[in-house]
N, C-alpha and C. Protein backbone atom coordinates (compact mmCIF):
# COMPACT_ATOMS: atom_id res chain seq x y z
N UNK A 1 33.30 -40.68 28.73
CA UNK A 1 34.36 -41.61 28.38
C UNK A 1 34.82 -41.69 29.94
N UNK A 2 34.95 -43.08 30.51
CA UNK A 2 35.53 -42.25 32.01
C UNK A 2 37.07 -41.81 32.26
N UNK A 3 36.98 -41.02 33.13
CA UNK A 3 38.53 -40.99 33.85
C UNK A 3 38.82 -41.38 35.35
N UNK A 4 39.35 -42.67 35.32
CA UNK A 4 39.55 -43.70 36.40
C UNK A 4 41.08 -43.54 36.94
N UNK A 5 41.43 -42.88 38.01
CA UNK A 5 42.76 -42.45 38.01
C UNK A 5 43.37 -43.61 39.24
N UNK A 6 44.77 -43.43 39.35
CA UNK A 6 45.58 -44.42 40.35
C UNK A 6 45.06 -44.82 41.11
N UNK A 7 44.52 -45.68 41.65
CA UNK A 7 44.32 -46.42 43.08
C UNK A 7 45.35 -46.35 44.29
N UNK A 8 45.12 -46.64 44.92
CA UNK A 8 46.40 -46.66 46.24
C UNK A 8 45.55 -47.24 47.96
N UNK A 9 46.49 -48.45 47.71
CA UNK A 9 46.57 -48.91 48.58
C UNK A 9 47.50 -48.73 50.10
N UNK A 10 47.58 -49.07 51.71
CA UNK A 10 48.08 -49.51 52.24
C UNK A 10 47.46 -50.83 52.69
N UNK A 11 48.24 -52.04 53.59
CA UNK A 11 47.94 -52.48 53.53
C UNK A 11 49.55 -53.52 54.28
N UNK A 12 49.86 -53.22 56.03
CA UNK A 12 50.87 -53.75 56.36
C UNK A 12 51.17 -55.31 55.43
N UNK A 13 52.48 -55.63 55.73
CA UNK A 13 53.23 -56.21 54.75
C UNK A 13 52.97 -57.78 55.18
N UNK A 14 53.01 -57.85 56.62
CA UNK A 14 53.60 -58.94 57.72
C UNK A 14 51.87 -58.30 58.73
N UNK A 15 51.36 -59.35 59.18
CA UNK A 15 50.95 -59.50 60.52
C UNK A 15 50.80 -60.71 60.89
N UNK A 16 50.97 -61.15 62.87
CA UNK A 16 50.42 -62.35 63.31
C UNK A 16 49.14 -62.80 62.15
N UNK A 17 48.73 -64.05 63.11
CA UNK A 17 47.31 -64.74 62.59
C UNK A 17 46.64 -64.40 63.95
N UNK A 18 45.59 -64.33 63.07
CA UNK A 18 43.94 -63.44 64.05
C UNK A 18 44.44 -61.76 64.61
N UNK A 19 45.78 -61.49 64.34
CA UNK A 19 45.74 -59.63 64.38
C UNK A 19 44.64 -58.77 62.99
N UNK A 20 44.22 -58.10 64.17
CA UNK A 20 43.10 -57.48 63.16
C UNK A 20 44.07 -55.73 62.61
N UNK A 21 44.30 -56.09 61.16
CA UNK A 21 44.43 -54.60 60.66
C UNK A 21 44.19 -53.43 59.70
N UNK A 22 44.31 -52.76 59.39
CA UNK A 22 44.10 -51.32 59.18
C UNK A 22 44.82 -51.00 57.81
N UNK A 23 43.21 -51.07 56.80
CA UNK A 23 43.59 -51.47 55.48
C UNK A 23 42.92 -49.67 55.16
N UNK A 24 43.66 -48.96 54.05
CA UNK A 24 43.28 -47.60 53.65
C UNK A 24 43.52 -47.90 52.07
N UNK A 25 42.49 -47.29 51.41
CA UNK A 25 42.07 -47.19 49.50
C UNK A 25 41.85 -46.09 49.28
N UNK A 26 42.18 -46.09 48.44
CA UNK A 26 41.60 -44.13 47.72
C UNK A 26 41.62 -44.50 46.01
N UNK A 27 41.24 -43.50 45.56
CA UNK A 27 41.37 -43.75 44.14
C UNK A 27 40.69 -42.14 43.46
N UNK A 28 41.33 -42.12 42.55
CA UNK A 28 41.80 -41.01 42.18
C UNK A 28 40.72 -40.69 41.27
N UNK A 29 39.70 -39.33 41.22
CA UNK A 29 38.05 -39.80 40.06
C UNK A 29 37.79 -38.31 40.41
N UNK A 30 37.54 -37.62 39.10
CA UNK A 30 37.33 -36.18 39.00
C UNK A 30 35.88 -36.42 39.99
N UNK A 31 35.02 -36.71 40.27
CA UNK A 31 33.33 -36.93 40.46
C UNK A 31 32.46 -35.88 39.68
N UNK A 32 31.64 -35.78 39.95
CA UNK A 32 30.75 -34.96 39.19
C UNK A 32 29.73 -35.53 39.67
N UNK A 33 28.82 -34.39 40.47
CA UNK A 33 27.09 -35.43 40.76
C UNK A 33 26.12 -35.36 40.01
N UNK A 34 25.95 -34.79 39.12
CA UNK A 34 24.92 -34.38 38.15
C UNK A 34 24.36 -33.23 38.33
N UNK A 35 24.33 -32.59 39.90
CA UNK A 35 24.10 -31.44 40.44
C UNK A 35 23.68 -29.97 39.77
N UNK A 36 25.54 -29.96 39.66
CA UNK A 36 25.97 -28.58 38.79
C UNK A 36 25.83 -28.60 37.46
N UNK A 37 26.09 -27.09 37.53
CA UNK A 37 25.17 -26.76 35.90
C UNK A 37 27.55 -25.57 35.27
N UNK A 38 27.28 -26.18 34.12
CA UNK A 38 28.84 -25.31 33.34
C UNK A 38 28.12 -23.05 33.43
N UNK A 39 29.73 -22.89 33.01
CA UNK A 39 29.22 -21.55 32.36
C UNK A 39 28.01 -21.19 32.26
N UNK A 40 27.77 -22.20 31.01
CA UNK A 40 26.63 -22.08 29.99
C UNK A 40 24.94 -22.29 30.63
N UNK A 41 25.18 -22.56 31.46
CA UNK A 41 23.74 -23.14 32.32
C UNK A 41 23.72 -24.75 32.27
N UNK A 42 24.44 -25.04 30.74
CA UNK A 42 23.82 -26.93 31.13
C UNK A 42 24.72 -27.29 32.76
N UNK A 43 23.68 -28.56 32.48
CA UNK A 43 23.93 -29.90 33.52
C UNK A 43 25.38 -30.41 32.97
N UNK A 44 26.01 -30.41 34.16
CA UNK A 44 27.15 -31.09 33.87
C UNK A 44 27.05 -32.95 34.34
N UNK A 45 27.19 -33.56 33.30
CA UNK A 45 26.47 -34.94 33.97
C UNK A 45 27.98 -36.03 34.31
N UNK A 46 26.61 -36.73 35.26
CA UNK A 46 27.25 -36.83 36.90
C UNK A 46 28.30 -38.61 35.93
N UNK A 47 29.61 -38.59 37.08
CA UNK A 47 30.42 -39.33 37.05
C UNK A 47 31.30 -39.27 38.02
N UNK A 48 30.26 -40.40 38.30
CA UNK A 48 30.30 -41.26 40.21
C UNK A 48 31.35 -42.44 40.04
N UNK A 49 31.90 -42.55 41.25
CA UNK A 49 32.32 -44.24 41.24
C UNK A 49 31.01 -44.35 41.96
N UNK A 50 30.62 -45.95 41.40
CA UNK A 50 29.49 -46.63 41.69
C UNK A 50 29.14 -47.76 43.18
N UNK A 51 30.78 -47.88 42.54
CA UNK A 51 30.78 -49.63 44.48
C UNK A 51 32.53 -48.94 43.87
N UNK A 52 32.39 -50.55 45.32
CA UNK A 52 34.13 -50.17 45.65
C UNK A 52 33.93 -51.50 46.27
N UNK A 53 35.54 -53.02 46.57
CA UNK A 53 34.92 -54.15 46.85
C UNK A 53 36.65 -53.94 47.15
N UNK A 54 36.44 -55.07 48.23
CA UNK A 54 38.29 -55.38 48.65
C UNK A 54 37.23 -57.25 48.92
N UNK A 55 38.12 -57.66 48.53
CA UNK A 55 38.99 -59.42 48.13
C UNK A 55 39.60 -59.96 48.86
N UNK A 56 39.91 -60.84 50.06
CA UNK A 56 41.16 -61.08 50.55
C UNK A 56 41.44 -63.17 50.45
N UNK A 57 42.11 -63.09 49.45
CA UNK A 57 42.00 -64.34 49.15
C UNK A 57 41.30 -65.30 48.31
N UNK A 58 40.12 -64.44 47.52
CA UNK A 58 39.06 -64.78 47.00
C UNK A 58 37.97 -64.36 47.72
N UNK A 59 37.51 -64.09 48.97
CA UNK A 59 36.76 -63.76 49.10
C UNK A 59 36.33 -62.16 49.56
N UNK A 60 35.57 -62.03 49.49
CA UNK A 60 34.71 -60.85 49.70
C UNK A 60 34.75 -60.26 51.00
N UNK A 61 35.65 -58.86 51.51
CA UNK A 61 35.62 -59.22 52.87
C UNK A 61 35.07 -57.08 52.73
N UNK A 62 34.80 -56.72 52.58
CA UNK A 62 34.02 -55.27 52.06
C UNK A 62 33.58 -54.79 51.28
N UNK A 63 32.46 -54.62 50.59
CA UNK A 63 31.74 -53.87 49.76
C UNK A 63 30.81 -52.41 50.05
N UNK A 64 31.39 -51.15 49.43
CA UNK A 64 30.42 -50.22 49.51
C UNK A 64 29.65 -49.87 48.26
N UNK A 65 29.08 -49.17 48.49
CA UNK A 65 27.77 -49.26 47.32
C UNK A 65 27.72 -46.81 47.75
N UNK A 66 28.43 -46.18 46.32
CA UNK A 66 28.53 -45.17 47.19
C UNK A 66 27.35 -44.65 46.25
N UNK A 67 26.88 -43.09 46.42
CA UNK A 67 26.14 -42.39 45.85
C UNK A 67 26.60 -40.49 44.98
N UNK A 68 25.94 -39.79 44.86
CA UNK A 68 26.35 -38.54 44.62
C UNK A 68 27.68 -37.52 45.47
N UNK A 69 26.77 -37.70 46.85
CA UNK A 69 27.22 -37.55 47.74
C UNK A 69 28.38 -37.63 48.20
N UNK A 70 28.95 -38.81 47.98
CA UNK A 70 29.69 -39.06 48.14
C UNK A 70 31.50 -38.16 47.56
N UNK A 71 32.41 -37.76 48.11
CA UNK A 71 33.06 -36.87 47.45
C UNK A 71 34.59 -37.56 46.93
N UNK A 72 35.08 -36.24 46.03
CA UNK A 72 36.13 -36.53 44.67
C UNK A 72 37.19 -37.54 45.25
N UNK A 73 37.48 -38.40 44.60
CA UNK A 73 38.33 -38.97 45.64
C UNK A 73 37.98 -39.86 46.67
N UNK A 74 37.16 -40.90 46.49
CA UNK A 74 36.84 -41.39 47.59
C UNK A 74 38.09 -42.16 48.43
N UNK A 75 37.32 -42.84 49.63
CA UNK A 75 38.86 -42.65 50.86
C UNK A 75 38.36 -43.63 51.64
N UNK A 76 37.93 -44.63 51.82
CA UNK A 76 37.49 -45.67 52.52
C UNK A 76 39.40 -46.54 53.72
N UNK A 77 38.74 -46.58 55.28
CA UNK A 77 39.33 -46.98 55.80
C UNK A 77 38.90 -47.96 56.99
N UNK A 78 38.67 -48.82 57.00
CA UNK A 78 38.45 -50.19 57.28
C UNK A 78 39.71 -51.03 57.89
N UNK A 79 39.03 -52.33 58.75
CA UNK A 79 39.60 -53.48 59.49
C UNK A 79 39.40 -54.78 59.28
N UNK A 80 40.70 -55.62 59.21
CA UNK A 80 40.29 -57.35 58.33
C UNK A 80 41.07 -57.68 59.65
N UNK A 81 40.08 -58.93 59.89
CA UNK A 81 41.30 -59.66 60.70
C UNK A 81 42.58 -61.02 59.59
N UNK A 82 43.57 -60.67 59.75
CA UNK A 82 44.75 -61.18 58.63
C UNK A 82 44.16 -63.23 59.00
N UNK A 83 44.21 -63.60 58.68
CA UNK A 83 43.81 -64.81 58.17
C UNK A 83 45.20 -65.66 57.76
N UNK A 84 45.67 -65.74 56.54
CA UNK A 84 46.33 -66.68 56.25
C UNK A 84 47.22 -65.46 54.96
N UNK A 85 48.26 -66.30 54.24
CA UNK A 85 49.39 -65.13 53.72
C UNK A 85 48.47 -65.32 52.72
N UNK A 86 48.14 -64.54 51.72
CA UNK A 86 47.32 -64.10 50.85
C UNK A 86 47.56 -62.91 50.12
N UNK A 87 46.31 -62.41 49.10
CA UNK A 87 46.02 -61.25 48.36
C UNK A 87 44.97 -60.49 48.09
N UNK A 88 44.81 -59.04 48.01
CA UNK A 88 44.03 -58.39 48.70
C UNK A 88 43.51 -57.95 47.42
N UNK A 89 42.61 -57.83 46.97
CA UNK A 89 42.16 -57.38 45.83
C UNK A 89 40.83 -56.00 46.11
N UNK A 90 41.47 -54.88 45.74
CA UNK A 90 40.52 -53.22 45.44
C UNK A 90 40.11 -53.06 44.42
N UNK A 91 38.53 -53.67 43.93
CA UNK A 91 38.17 -52.78 43.15
C UNK A 91 37.45 -51.58 43.06
N UNK A 92 37.32 -50.98 42.06
CA UNK A 92 36.16 -49.61 41.75
C UNK A 92 35.94 -49.00 40.79
N UNK A 93 34.31 -49.06 40.51
CA UNK A 93 33.79 -48.96 39.49
C UNK A 93 32.85 -47.48 39.23
N UNK A 94 33.02 -46.77 38.04
CA UNK A 94 32.38 -45.79 37.89
C UNK A 94 30.84 -45.99 36.91
N UNK A 95 30.43 -45.23 37.19
CA UNK A 95 28.99 -45.15 36.56
C UNK A 95 29.25 -45.27 34.62
N UNK A 96 30.40 -44.96 34.47
CA UNK A 96 30.90 -44.53 32.87
C UNK A 96 31.18 -46.20 32.26
N UNK A 97 31.59 -46.56 33.46
CA UNK A 97 32.10 -48.00 32.94
C UNK A 97 33.75 -48.44 32.61
N UNK A 98 35.00 -47.35 34.35
CA UNK A 98 35.41 -47.63 34.25
C UNK A 98 35.82 -48.06 35.33
N UNK A 99 37.15 -48.75 35.02
CA UNK A 99 37.47 -49.65 36.48
C UNK A 99 39.19 -49.57 36.83
N UNK A 100 39.00 -49.43 38.56
CA UNK A 100 40.22 -49.19 38.94
C UNK A 100 40.91 -50.66 39.99
N UNK A 101 41.99 -51.31 39.90
CA UNK A 101 42.22 -52.36 40.27
C UNK A 101 43.45 -51.92 41.09
N UNK A 102 43.55 -52.64 42.61
CA UNK A 102 45.16 -52.82 42.71
C UNK A 102 44.98 -53.61 44.01
N UNK A 103 46.25 -54.06 44.14
CA UNK A 103 46.02 -55.54 44.33
C UNK A 103 47.43 -55.59 45.76
N UNK A 104 47.72 -55.61 46.67
CA UNK A 104 48.81 -56.35 48.06
C UNK A 104 48.38 -57.46 48.66
N UNK A 105 50.22 -57.58 48.88
CA UNK A 105 50.07 -59.01 49.19
C UNK A 105 49.73 -58.76 51.45
N UNK A 106 49.75 -59.38 51.82
CA UNK A 106 49.87 -59.64 53.30
C UNK A 106 50.62 -60.51 53.51
N UNK A 107 51.57 -61.11 54.64
CA UNK A 107 52.17 -62.00 54.80
C UNK A 107 52.06 -62.56 56.12
N UNK A 108 51.29 -63.70 56.26
CA UNK A 108 50.29 -63.94 57.69
C UNK A 108 51.52 -65.06 58.63
N UNK A 109 52.12 -64.64 59.83
CA UNK A 109 52.92 -65.35 60.33
C UNK A 109 51.81 -66.44 61.64
């Protein structure tokens, strides 16, 4: 069973048209690589965030495929050009079917 946690995003509320804006995201996730063992020597099953996407006004602007080497609570920082007032949709998906989604609006003047 998936245990996707709280998703956090930081996007400027306003930007000038053509301005490059910084976007920060993080999702709480327990992350197990599948390489560790419990106290009894049994392997702990893999449980990782497999993908992250960000769309801006319906168009995908960022995509990442993640692997077991990625840390717990994956954090991303990236940049986008503010082209229009719209909504950014952030989606994290894990290998047990868990999905976390967060949205943010940006007003472009």
